[in-house]
Amino acid sequence: MTRKPTLSFWQIWNMCFGFLGIQFAFALQNANVSRIFQTLGAGVADIPVLWIAAPLTGLIVQPLIGYASDRTWGKLGRRRPYFLAGAVLTTLALLWMPNSGVLWIAATLLWIMDASINVSMEPFRAFVGDQLPTEQRPLGYAMQSFFIGAGAVVASMLPYLLAHVGVSNVAAEGGIPDTVRDSFYIGGAVLLGSVLWTVFSTQEYPPEQLRVFADEAVSEDVEINRPGALRYGLLWLAVGAIGAWLVYGYGLERELYLLAGGVIAFGLSQLWLSVRQQGGMFTQVMTDMHTMPDAMRRLAWVQFFSWFAMFAMWIYTTAGVAQVHFGSTDPNSAAYNNGANWVGVLFAAYNGFAAVAALVIPLMVRRWGLRMSHLINLWLGGAGLVAFLLIRDPHWLLVPMVGVGFAWASILSLPYALLSDNLPAEKMGVYMGIFNFFIVIPQLLAASVLGVLLRVFFHGQPIYALVLGGASLLVAGLSVLRVREPMLSGSASQSA
């Protein structure tokens, strides 16, 4: 074969089914971890710092897993060993998290859980690029969005549903409600079962066959630009050091040390590259980042503003809705826990709307193209987040979740469809992992500055984090206009 065969609907279904469980775990984490932290004694101002584990692990894990999976071939194939290993580790973390009992243990388990989710998630993105011809990739990524939405609907609503069948929703001070604990147990079973379905119901093309499909030779590892890495390293190191000095000297919020530390770490990585005498995993990942395709650079800005918005929503919706719509900031009160459960329903709603949107998005793409479809969806999401400030009846908050759901489904599919045809088959995994940098960096920025912005400009009211997120989605929509539209015809795409 010299061209990838078109896969049937059920073949695409099977290869994407594992995302049901991955998102089940991810949604449980997003909807409940802030609640667990506050229940164990964390203040609202501490939540962004505690959440720093999630994006930081993605920043480190995804490109390294992508690099490794590009070079893996065994009995389970190329990507599937990583699906399975990540699922097993995530399941163990899900079972332990609601039994942690101490804040620092819960924060450590969030780190482990997110790292394990990333081990499974990153190869799934490359898996679609490996298996599907160009014209079916939008459908494949939309199918992933469907499973993401479907899994997250049930996961987000689980505490609410369990409370309504008699499971206790209030725990003693310092304890985790049974609704949350049982939800995490169910999540572990769903995750492991769905990933096993994909592992044993799909096959993979060996690397040499992928090269034939792409009509390309084995990709050579690019050489390191040592003088350039030295200049970049010194520049970023100086910027980070000055930033840390300003935080210390002027007594600024400690969260800003995260931002300065990230800049210093990047500068040190560049200095390390400048003196590295031979290649290796980390060296090659960083070098590939410098030589990424132009389409990937343009999409980076779209991803940056999109994921800043989503992270703001994930970490502040519970506190914001509990305060504004349920009138409580006490995590041990019934009002707060009712608000937290309602946020679970809202998160389930936007994921449900995302599952519906995943069926609509291919029709939108056919009519308006990838770029305009993504812009429309991002703006719908931006309007939805701003509406949280204007709506007072919590039941009406379901309406803006429609827009958030369309934005979420689009964020999870269309950027990857825009990107995948610009990547060499031999480096699909590592570039998909590097693409995750532009998901993680805005989350690190949000964790560093959102608390400061809320205190300085909005009197510490968490609802305004959602307004900032809405504005960020509007900017992301404008940024997508800078990305060229691929022409999806035959087995290849060309830039218009």
Protein backbone atom coordinates (compact mmCIF):
# COMPACT_ATOMS: atom_id res chain seq x y z
CA MET A 1 0.00 0.00 0.00
CA THR A 2 1.20 3.52 -0.82
CA ARG A 3 -1.82 5.35 0.59
CA LYS A 4 -3.51 4.92 3.96
CA PRO A 5 -6.82 3.09 3.52
CA THR A 6 -10.02 4.78 4.60
CA LEU A 7 -11.21 3.34 7.91
CA SER A 8 -14.80 2.46 8.74
CA PHE A 9 -16.85 4.30 11.33
CA TRP A 10 -16.46 1.46 13.84
CA GLN A 11 -12.69 1.25 13.32
CA ILE A 12 -12.43 4.96 14.15
CA TRP A 13 -14.81 4.39 17.09
CA ASN A 14 -12.58 1.66 18.53
CA MET A 15 -9.35 3.63 18.15
CA CYS A 16 -10.86 6.65 19.94
CA PHE A 17 -12.86 4.79 22.61
CA GLY A 18 -10.04 4.93 25.16
CA PHE A 19 -10.48 8.69 25.33
CA LEU A 20 -13.79 8.04 27.11
CA GLY A 21 -11.92 6.80 30.16
CA ILE A 22 -9.07 9.29 29.94
CA GLN A 23 -11.52 12.18 29.97
CA PHE A 24 -13.56 10.50 32.71
CA ALA A 25 -10.49 10.72 34.94
CA PHE A 26 -9.61 14.21 33.71
CA ALA A 27 -13.14 15.51 34.40
CA LEU A 28 -13.19 14.04 37.90
CA GLN A 29 -9.90 15.82 38.53
CA ASN A 30 -11.08 19.17 37.13
CA ALA A 31 -14.44 19.21 38.88
CA ASN A 32 -13.37 17.90 42.30
CA VAL A 33 -9.72 18.56 43.08
CA SER A 34 -10.23 22.21 44.07
CA ARG A 35 -13.03 20.99 46.32
CA ILE A 36 -10.74 18.36 47.86
CA PHE A 37 -8.02 20.94 48.43
CA GLN A 38 -10.41 23.36 50.14
CA THR A 39 -11.92 20.56 52.23
CA LEU A 40 -8.40 19.65 53.42
CA GLY A 41 -7.74 23.25 54.49
CA ALA A 42 -6.49 25.16 51.43
CA GLY A 43 -7.63 28.77 50.98
CA VAL A 44 -8.90 30.17 47.68
CA ALA A 45 -5.62 32.05 47.21
CA ASP A 46 -3.68 28.77 47.54
CA ILE A 47 -5.60 26.86 44.85
CA PRO A 48 -3.62 28.08 41.79
CA VAL A 49 -0.30 27.08 43.40
CA LEU A 50 -1.61 23.63 44.33
CA TRP A 51 -2.86 23.15 40.77
CA ILE A 52 0.58 23.91 39.35
CA ALA A 53 1.34 20.18 39.30
CA ALA A 54 -1.11 19.53 36.49
CA PRO A 55 0.36 21.76 33.76
CA LEU A 56 3.95 21.26 34.89
CA THR A 57 3.77 17.51 34.51
CA GLY A 58 2.26 17.90 31.04
CA LEU A 59 5.07 20.22 30.05
CA ILE A 60 7.67 17.60 30.95
CA VAL A 61 5.91 14.32 30.22
CA GLN A 62 4.15 14.78 26.88
CA PRO A 63 7.10 15.64 24.61
CA LEU A 64 9.27 12.94 26.19
CA ILE A 65 6.52 10.33 25.80
CA GLY A 66 5.99 11.51 22.22
CA TYR A 67 9.69 11.16 21.46
CA ALA A 68 9.78 7.69 23.04
CA SER A 69 6.63 6.45 21.28
CA ASP A 70 8.00 7.58 17.89
CA ARG A 71 10.86 5.14 18.50
CA THR A 72 8.85 2.27 20.02
CA TRP A 73 7.72 -0.90 18.29
CA GLY A 74 6.73 -4.12 20.04
CA LYS A 75 3.96 -6.64 20.47
CA LEU A 76 1.47 -3.92 21.40
CA GLY A 77 2.67 -1.61 18.65
CA ARG A 78 3.91 1.95 18.78
CA ARG A 79 1.47 4.03 20.85
CA ARG A 80 -0.64 1.41 22.67
CA PRO A 81 1.97 0.46 25.33
CA TYR A 82 1.80 4.04 26.58
CA PHE A 83 -2.02 4.07 26.60
CA LEU A 84 -1.98 1.03 28.87
CA ALA A 85 0.81 2.08 31.24
CA GLY A 86 -0.73 5.52 31.77
CA ALA A 87 -4.17 4.02 32.41
CA VAL A 88 -2.88 1.65 35.11
CA LEU A 89 -1.00 4.43 36.94
CA THR A 90 -3.93 6.85 36.71
CA THR A 91 -6.30 4.23 38.09
CA LEU A 92 -4.09 3.74 41.14
CA ALA A 93 -3.97 7.52 41.72
CA LEU A 94 -7.77 7.79 41.40
CA LEU A 95 -8.24 5.12 44.06
CA TRP A 96 -5.85 6.85 46.47
CA MET A 97 -6.72 10.55 45.96
CA PRO A 98 -10.01 10.68 47.97
CA ASN A 99 -8.32 8.79 50.82
CA SER A 100 -5.32 11.13 51.08
CA GLY A 101 -6.54 12.91 54.23
CA VAL A 102 -3.72 15.48 54.21
CA LEU A 103 -3.33 18.44 51.86
CA TRP A 104 0.27 17.77 50.82
CA ILE A 105 -0.54 14.14 49.99
CA ALA A 106 -3.51 15.25 47.85
CA ALA A 107 -1.27 17.74 46.02
CA THR A 108 1.32 15.01 45.39
CA LEU A 109 -1.35 12.65 44.08
CA LEU A 110 -2.59 15.34 41.70
CA TRP A 111 0.95 15.48 40.33
CA ILE A 112 1.07 11.70 39.89
CA MET A 113 -2.44 11.54 38.43
CA ASP A 114 -1.82 14.26 35.88
CA ALA A 115 1.52 12.79 34.82
CA SER A 116 -0.15 9.42 34.28
CA ILE A 117 -3.05 10.94 32.32
CA ASN A 118 -0.50 12.65 30.09
CA VAL A 119 1.30 9.35 29.47
CA SER A 120 -1.95 8.00 27.98
CA MET A 121 -3.24 11.17 26.36
CA GLU A 122 -0.27 12.28 24.24
CA PRO A 123 0.08 9.08 22.17
CA PHE A 124 -3.68 9.15 21.44
CA ARG A 125 -3.23 12.42 19.53
CA ALA A 126 -0.40 10.97 17.46
CA PHE A 127 -2.38 7.73 17.04
CA VAL A 128 -5.04 9.52 14.96
CA GLY A 129 -2.36 11.10 12.79
CA ASP A 130 -0.70 7.70 12.33
CA GLN A 131 -3.82 5.74 11.44
CA LEU A 132 -6.05 8.05 9.40
CA PRO A 133 -5.66 9.53 5.93
CA THR A 134 -5.78 13.32 5.65
CA GLU A 135 -9.45 13.57 4.73
CA GLN A 136 -10.52 11.52 7.81
CA ARG A 137 -8.41 13.29 10.42
CA PRO A 138 -11.02 15.97 11.24
CA LEU A 139 -13.52 13.14 11.82
CA GLY A 140 -11.02 11.25 13.99
CA TYR A 141 -10.27 14.23 16.22
CA ALA A 142 -13.99 15.08 16.37
CA MET A 143 -14.65 11.48 17.47
CA GLN A 144 -12.11 11.97 20.26
CA SER A 145 -14.00 15.14 21.24
CA PHE A 146 -17.24 13.15 21.32
CA PHE A 147 -15.81 10.61 23.74
CA ILE A 148 -14.20 13.36 25.79
CA GLY A 149 -17.58 15.05 26.13
CA ALA A 150 -19.52 11.86 26.81
CA GLY A 151 -17.08 10.64 29.46
CA ALA A 152 -16.89 14.00 31.17
CA VAL A 153 -20.69 14.36 31.35
CA VAL A 154 -21.04 11.31 33.57
CA ALA A 155 -17.83 11.97 35.52
CA SER A 156 -18.72 15.59 36.32
CA MET A 157 -22.24 14.68 37.45
CA LEU A 158 -21.29 11.65 39.53
CA PRO A 159 -21.15 13.39 42.96
CA TYR A 160 -24.47 15.10 42.22
CA LEU A 161 -26.11 11.84 41.11
CA LEU A 162 -24.73 9.84 44.02
CA ALA A 163 -26.01 12.46 46.47
CA HIS A 164 -29.49 12.08 44.98
CA VAL A 165 -29.50 8.33 45.56
CA GLY A 166 -28.60 8.72 49.23
CA VAL A 167 -24.78 8.80 49.35
CA SER A 168 -23.51 11.28 51.95
CA ASN A 169 -22.43 14.60 50.45
CA VAL A 170 -21.06 16.21 53.63
CA ALA A 171 -18.03 15.00 55.56
CA ALA A 172 -16.57 15.91 58.91
CA GLU A 173 -14.03 18.73 58.90
CA GLY A 174 -10.93 17.59 57.04
CA GLY A 175 -12.70 14.64 55.44
CA ILE A 176 -13.80 13.93 51.87
CA PRO A 177 -17.54 13.39 51.20
CA ASP A 178 -18.53 9.85 50.20
CA THR A 179 -19.98 11.21 46.95
CA VAL A 180 -16.51 12.30 45.84
CA ARG A 181 -14.77 9.16 47.10
CA ASP A 182 -17.15 6.79 45.30
CA SER A 183 -16.93 8.86 42.11
CA PHE A 184 -13.16 8.38 42.01
CA TYR A 185 -13.52 4.63 42.49
CA ILE A 186 -15.97 4.40 39.58
CA GLY A 187 -13.66 6.56 37.48
CA GLY A 188 -10.76 4.17 37.93
CA ALA A 189 -12.82 1.25 36.62
CA VAL A 190 -14.12 3.20 33.61
CA LEU A 191 -10.66 4.46 32.69
CA LEU A 192 -8.96 1.09 32.74
CA GLY A 193 -11.78 -0.68 30.92
CA SER A 194 -12.08 1.81 28.04
CA VAL A 195 -8.32 1.99 27.41
CA LEU A 196 -8.13 -1.82 27.37
CA TRP A 197 -10.88 -1.79 24.72
CA THR A 198 -8.78 0.39 22.41
CA VAL A 199 -5.57 -1.52 23.11
CA PHE A 200 -7.07 -4.89 22.15
CA SER A 201 -9.46 -3.81 19.38
CA THR A 202 -7.00 -1.87 17.20
CA GLN A 203 -3.83 -2.51 15.23
CA GLU A 204 -1.06 -0.10 14.26
CA TYR A 205 0.95 0.41 11.10
CA PRO A 206 4.66 -0.31 11.65
CA PRO A 207 7.02 2.67 11.22
CA GLU A 208 8.30 1.52 7.82
CA GLN A 209 4.73 1.37 6.45
CA LEU A 210 4.04 4.88 7.74
CA ARG A 211 7.09 6.12 5.85
CA VAL A 212 5.74 4.55 2.67
CA PHE A 213 2.36 6.23 3.21
CA ALA A 214 4.05 9.59 3.72
CA ASP A 215 6.50 9.02 0.85
CA GLU A 216 9.38 10.16 3.01
CA ALA A 217 12.71 8.86 4.22
CA VAL A 218 13.65 8.37 7.84
CA SER A 219 13.77 11.80 9.47
CA GLU A 220 17.22 12.79 10.55
CA ASP A 221 17.69 14.40 13.94
CA VAL A 222 18.47 18.06 13.35
CA GLU A 223 21.71 19.61 14.55
CA ILE A 224 21.76 21.88 17.55
CA ASN A 225 22.35 25.58 16.88
CA ARG A 226 24.78 26.02 19.76
CA PRO A 227 25.46 29.80 19.43
CA GLY A 228 21.73 30.47 19.16
CA ALA A 229 20.99 28.28 22.18
CA LEU A 230 23.68 30.12 24.17
CA ARG A 231 22.21 33.55 23.33
CA TYR A 232 18.66 32.42 24.11
CA GLY A 233 19.80 30.80 27.34
CA LEU A 234 21.58 33.88 28.66
CA LEU A 235 18.65 36.13 27.69
CA TRP A 236 15.97 34.01 29.34
CA LEU A 237 18.14 33.36 32.38
CA ALA A 238 18.62 37.12 32.87
CA VAL A 239 14.90 37.84 32.45
CA GLY A 240 13.96 35.16 34.97
CA ALA A 241 16.57 36.28 37.50
CA ILE A 242 15.43 39.91 37.24
CA GLY A 243 11.81 38.81 37.66
CA ALA A 244 12.63 36.76 40.78
CA TRP A 245 14.58 39.71 42.23
CA LEU A 246 11.59 42.03 41.65
CA VAL A 247 9.22 39.59 43.36
CA TYR A 248 11.57 39.35 46.35
CA GLY A 249 12.54 43.01 46.50
CA TYR A 250 9.01 44.40 46.29
CA GLY A 251 7.34 41.66 48.33
CA LEU A 252 5.07 40.59 45.51
CA GLU A 253 2.84 37.50 45.66
CA ARG A 254 4.78 34.25 45.94
CA GLU A 255 2.88 32.79 42.95
CA LEU A 256 5.01 35.03 40.72
CA TYR A 257 8.06 32.97 41.72
CA LEU A 258 6.51 30.20 39.61
CA LEU A 259 6.61 32.40 36.54
CA ALA A 260 10.18 33.57 37.21
CA GLY A 261 11.28 30.02 37.95
CA GLY A 262 9.81 28.76 34.69
CA VAL A 263 11.72 31.40 32.73
CA ILE A 264 14.95 30.52 34.55
CA ALA A 265 14.42 26.81 33.88
CA PHE A 266 13.95 27.48 30.18
CA GLY A 267 17.12 29.58 30.10
CA LEU A 268 19.09 26.82 31.81
CA SER A 269 17.78 24.27 29.30
CA GLN A 270 19.10 26.42 26.46
CA LEU A 271 22.50 26.79 28.10
CA TRP A 272 22.61 23.02 28.55
CA LEU A 273 21.90 22.57 24.86
CA SER A 274 24.70 24.95 23.93
CA VAL A 275 27.32 22.75 25.62
CA ARG A 276 25.79 19.33 24.93
CA GLN A 277 28.20 17.32 22.79
CA GLN A 278 25.81 14.63 21.58
CA GLY A 279 22.10 14.16 21.15
CA GLY A 280 19.66 12.50 23.51
CA MET A 281 15.95 12.52 24.25
CA PHE A 282 15.81 15.91 25.98
CA THR A 283 18.34 17.46 23.59
CA GLN A 284 16.40 16.40 20.52
CA VAL A 285 13.03 17.48 21.92
CA MET A 286 14.34 20.97 22.62
CA THR A 287 16.05 21.16 19.21
CA ASP A 288 12.86 20.06 17.43
CA MET A 289 11.03 22.79 19.28
CA HIS A 290 13.31 25.38 17.65
CA THR A 291 12.66 23.93 14.17
CA MET A 292 8.90 23.41 14.44
CA PRO A 293 6.78 24.00 11.29
CA ASP A 294 5.44 27.52 10.69
CA ALA A 295 1.82 26.34 11.04
CA MET A 296 2.66 25.09 14.53
CA ARG A 297 4.13 28.46 15.52
CA ARG A 298 0.96 30.26 14.43
CA LEU A 299 -1.30 27.77 16.18
CA ALA A 300 0.73 28.25 19.35
CA TRP A 301 -0.99 31.61 19.96
CA VAL A 302 -4.42 30.10 19.43
CA GLN A 303 -3.65 27.38 21.95
CA PHE A 304 -2.13 29.84 24.43
CA PHE A 305 -5.23 32.01 24.78
CA SER A 306 -7.63 29.04 24.57
CA TRP A 307 -6.04 27.08 27.40
CA PHE A 308 -5.51 30.12 29.62
CA ALA A 309 -9.29 30.50 29.52
CA MET A 310 -10.06 26.85 30.22
CA PHE A 311 -7.64 26.68 33.16
CA ALA A 312 -9.18 29.81 34.68
CA MET A 313 -12.59 28.16 34.43
CA TRP A 314 -11.46 24.86 35.92
CA ILE A 315 -9.79 26.25 39.00
CA TYR A 316 -12.18 29.12 39.85
CA THR A 317 -15.70 28.05 38.85
CA THR A 318 -16.36 26.18 42.11
CA ALA A 319 -15.25 29.08 44.31
CA GLY A 320 -16.94 31.68 42.08
CA VAL A 321 -20.32 29.95 41.80
CA ALA A 322 -20.37 28.96 45.48
CA GLN A 323 -19.73 32.57 46.50
CA VAL A 324 -21.90 34.47 44.00
CA HIS A 325 -24.77 32.06 43.34
CA PHE A 326 -24.96 30.08 46.60
CA GLY A 327 -23.69 32.70 49.05
CA SER A 328 -20.97 30.68 50.78
CA THR A 329 -17.19 30.62 50.98
CA ASP A 330 -17.03 27.97 53.74
CA PRO A 331 -16.08 24.60 52.18
CA ASN A 332 -17.60 22.73 55.16
CA SER A 333 -21.04 24.34 54.78
CA ALA A 334 -24.02 22.72 53.08
CA ALA A 335 -24.44 25.77 50.82
CA TYR A 336 -20.87 25.53 49.55
CA ASN A 337 -21.16 21.81 48.86
CA ASN A 338 -24.47 22.31 47.08
CA GLY A 339 -22.74 24.92 44.94
CA ALA A 340 -19.81 22.58 44.32
CA ASN A 341 -22.20 19.83 43.23
CA TRP A 342 -23.98 22.26 40.90
CA VAL A 343 -20.61 23.12 39.32
CA GLY A 344 -20.24 19.41 38.67
CA VAL A 345 -23.57 19.55 36.82
CA LEU A 346 -22.42 22.60 34.86
CA PHE A 347 -19.19 20.86 33.92
CA ALA A 348 -21.20 17.82 32.89
CA ALA A 349 -23.41 20.10 30.81
CA TYR A 350 -20.60 21.75 28.87
CA ASN A 351 -19.06 18.35 28.21
CA GLY A 352 -22.44 17.05 27.07
CA PHE A 353 -22.81 19.99 24.72
CA ALA A 354 -19.25 19.29 23.57
CA ALA A 355 -20.26 15.74 22.65
CA VAL A 356 -23.12 17.16 20.56
CA ALA A 357 -20.79 19.79 19.10
CA ALA A 358 -18.40 17.03 18.03
CA LEU A 359 -21.16 15.77 15.73
CA VAL A 360 -21.83 19.28 14.39
CA ILE A 361 -18.25 20.46 13.91
CA PRO A 362 -17.51 18.28 10.83
CA LEU A 363 -20.56 19.88 9.17
CA MET A 364 -19.30 23.35 10.15
CA VAL A 365 -15.87 22.55 8.71
CA ARG A 366 -17.44 21.39 5.45
CA ARG A 367 -19.34 24.68 5.16
CA TRP A 368 -16.96 27.29 6.58
CA GLY A 369 -13.56 25.59 6.78
CA LEU A 370 -11.38 24.82 9.79
CA ARG A 371 -10.38 28.38 10.65
CA MET A 372 -13.79 30.08 10.64
CA SER A 373 -15.40 27.15 12.42
CA HIS A 374 -12.82 27.36 15.20
CA LEU A 375 -13.23 31.16 15.48
CA ILE A 376 -17.02 30.85 15.80
CA ASN A 377 -16.77 28.18 18.47
CA LEU A 378 -14.16 30.05 20.50
CA TRP A 379 -16.28 33.20 20.49
CA LEU A 380 -19.31 31.22 21.64
CA GLY A 381 -17.24 29.99 24.56
CA GLY A 382 -15.96 33.48 25.38
CA ALA A 383 -19.50 34.84 25.52
CA GLY A 384 -20.51 31.94 27.76
CA LEU A 385 -17.81 32.61 30.35
CA VAL A 386 -18.55 36.34 30.50
CA ALA A 387 -22.23 35.50 31.08
CA PHE A 388 -21.37 34.01 34.50
CA LEU A 389 -20.99 37.57 35.79
CA LEU A 390 -24.40 38.62 34.50
CA ILE A 391 -26.56 35.65 35.50
CA ARG A 392 -27.77 35.36 39.10
CA ASP A 393 -30.06 32.32 39.02
CA PRO A 394 -27.68 29.29 39.10
CA HIS A 395 -30.07 27.21 36.98
CA TRP A 396 -29.68 29.66 34.08
CA LEU A 397 -25.92 29.04 34.11
CA LEU A 398 -26.70 25.98 32.00
CA VAL A 399 -27.30 28.29 29.01
CA PRO A 400 -23.74 29.68 28.69
CA MET A 401 -22.47 26.13 29.01
CA VAL A 402 -23.71 25.59 25.44
CA GLY A 403 -21.12 28.05 24.17
CA VAL A 404 -18.41 26.67 26.45
CA GLY A 405 -19.19 23.16 25.17
CA PHE A 406 -18.79 24.17 21.53
CA ALA A 407 -15.52 25.92 22.34
CA TRP A 408 -14.22 22.89 24.25
CA ALA A 409 -15.06 20.44 21.46
CA SER A 410 -13.37 22.74 18.96
CA ILE A 411 -10.25 23.21 21.11
CA LEU A 412 -9.86 19.44 21.35
CA SER A 413 -10.17 18.78 17.62
CA LEU A 414 -9.66 21.57 15.09
CA PRO A 415 -6.14 22.73 16.11
CA TYR A 416 -4.93 19.12 15.73
CA ALA A 417 -6.60 18.81 12.33
CA LEU A 418 -4.91 22.08 11.29
CA LEU A 419 -1.56 20.81 12.58
CA SER A 420 -1.31 17.11 11.73
CA ASP A 421 -0.83 17.47 7.97
CA ASN A 422 2.21 19.68 8.56
CA LEU A 423 4.11 17.09 10.61
CA PRO A 424 6.45 14.33 9.37
CA ALA A 425 5.22 10.81 10.14
CA GLU A 426 8.52 9.93 11.85
CA LYS A 427 8.07 12.78 14.36
CA MET A 428 4.30 12.86 14.81
CA GLY A 429 4.60 11.93 18.49
CA VAL A 430 7.32 14.35 19.52
CA TYR A 431 5.73 17.30 17.70
CA MET A 432 2.34 16.53 19.22
CA GLY A 433 4.12 16.52 22.58
CA ILE A 434 5.86 19.82 21.85
CA PHE A 435 2.48 21.23 20.78
CA ASN A 436 1.40 20.54 24.35
CA PHE A 437 3.88 23.24 25.48
CA PHE A 438 1.35 25.77 24.22
CA ILE A 439 -1.34 24.15 26.33
CA VAL A 440 0.81 23.97 29.45
CA ILE A 441 2.56 27.36 29.38
CA PRO A 442 -0.70 29.36 29.57
CA GLN A 443 -1.84 27.15 32.45
CA LEU A 444 1.41 27.87 34.30
CA LEU A 445 0.90 31.57 33.59
CA ALA A 446 -2.69 31.37 34.86
CA ALA A 447 -1.56 29.63 38.04
CA SER A 448 1.07 32.34 38.54
CA VAL A 449 -0.89 35.52 37.85
CA LEU A 450 -4.63 34.88 38.22
CA GLY A 451 -4.54 35.13 42.01
CA VAL A 452 -2.60 38.39 41.75
CA LEU A 453 -4.96 39.84 39.13
CA LEU A 454 -8.02 38.96 41.17
CA ARG A 455 -6.59 40.54 44.33
CA VAL A 456 -5.32 43.72 42.67
CA PHE A 457 -8.16 44.45 40.26
CA PHE A 458 -11.22 42.49 41.43
CA HIS A 459 -11.09 42.46 45.27
CA GLY A 460 -10.30 38.75 45.33
CA GLN A 461 -13.62 37.71 43.76
CA PRO A 462 -13.05 34.46 41.83
CA ILE A 463 -16.00 35.01 39.45
CA TYR A 464 -13.88 37.56 37.57
CA ALA A 465 -11.41 34.83 36.61
CA LEU A 466 -14.17 33.51 34.33
CA VAL A 467 -14.56 36.96 32.76
CA LEU A 468 -10.82 37.07 32.06
CA GLY A 469 -11.15 33.60 30.54
CA GLY A 470 -13.94 34.80 28.27
CA ALA A 471 -11.82 37.69 27.01
CA SER A 472 -8.95 35.26 26.38
CA LEU A 473 -11.18 33.06 24.18
CA LEU A 474 -12.14 36.10 22.10
CA VAL A 475 -8.43 36.81 21.49
CA ALA A 476 -7.83 33.15 20.61
CA GLY A 477 -10.54 33.38 17.97
CA LEU A 478 -8.83 36.34 16.34
CA SER A 479 -5.47 34.55 16.46
CA VAL A 480 -6.76 31.60 14.42
CA LEU A 481 -7.14 33.92 11.42
CA ARG A 482 -3.33 33.95 11.13
CA VAL A 483 -3.28 30.20 10.44
CA ARG A 484 -3.50 29.09 6.83
CA GLU A 485 -6.34 26.80 5.86
CA PRO A 486 -5.23 23.35 4.62
CA MET A 487 -6.91 21.93 1.54
CA LEU A 488 -8.19 18.48 2.50
CA SER A 489 -8.29 16.54 -0.74
CA GLY A 490 -7.04 13.07 -1.54
CA SER A 491 -4.29 11.84 0.69
CA ALA A 492 -2.41 15.09 1.13
CA SER A 493 -3.13 18.64 2.10
CA GLN A 494 -1.71 21.80 0.67
CA SER A 495 -1.70 25.22 2.21
CA ALA A 496 -4.03 27.74 0.62
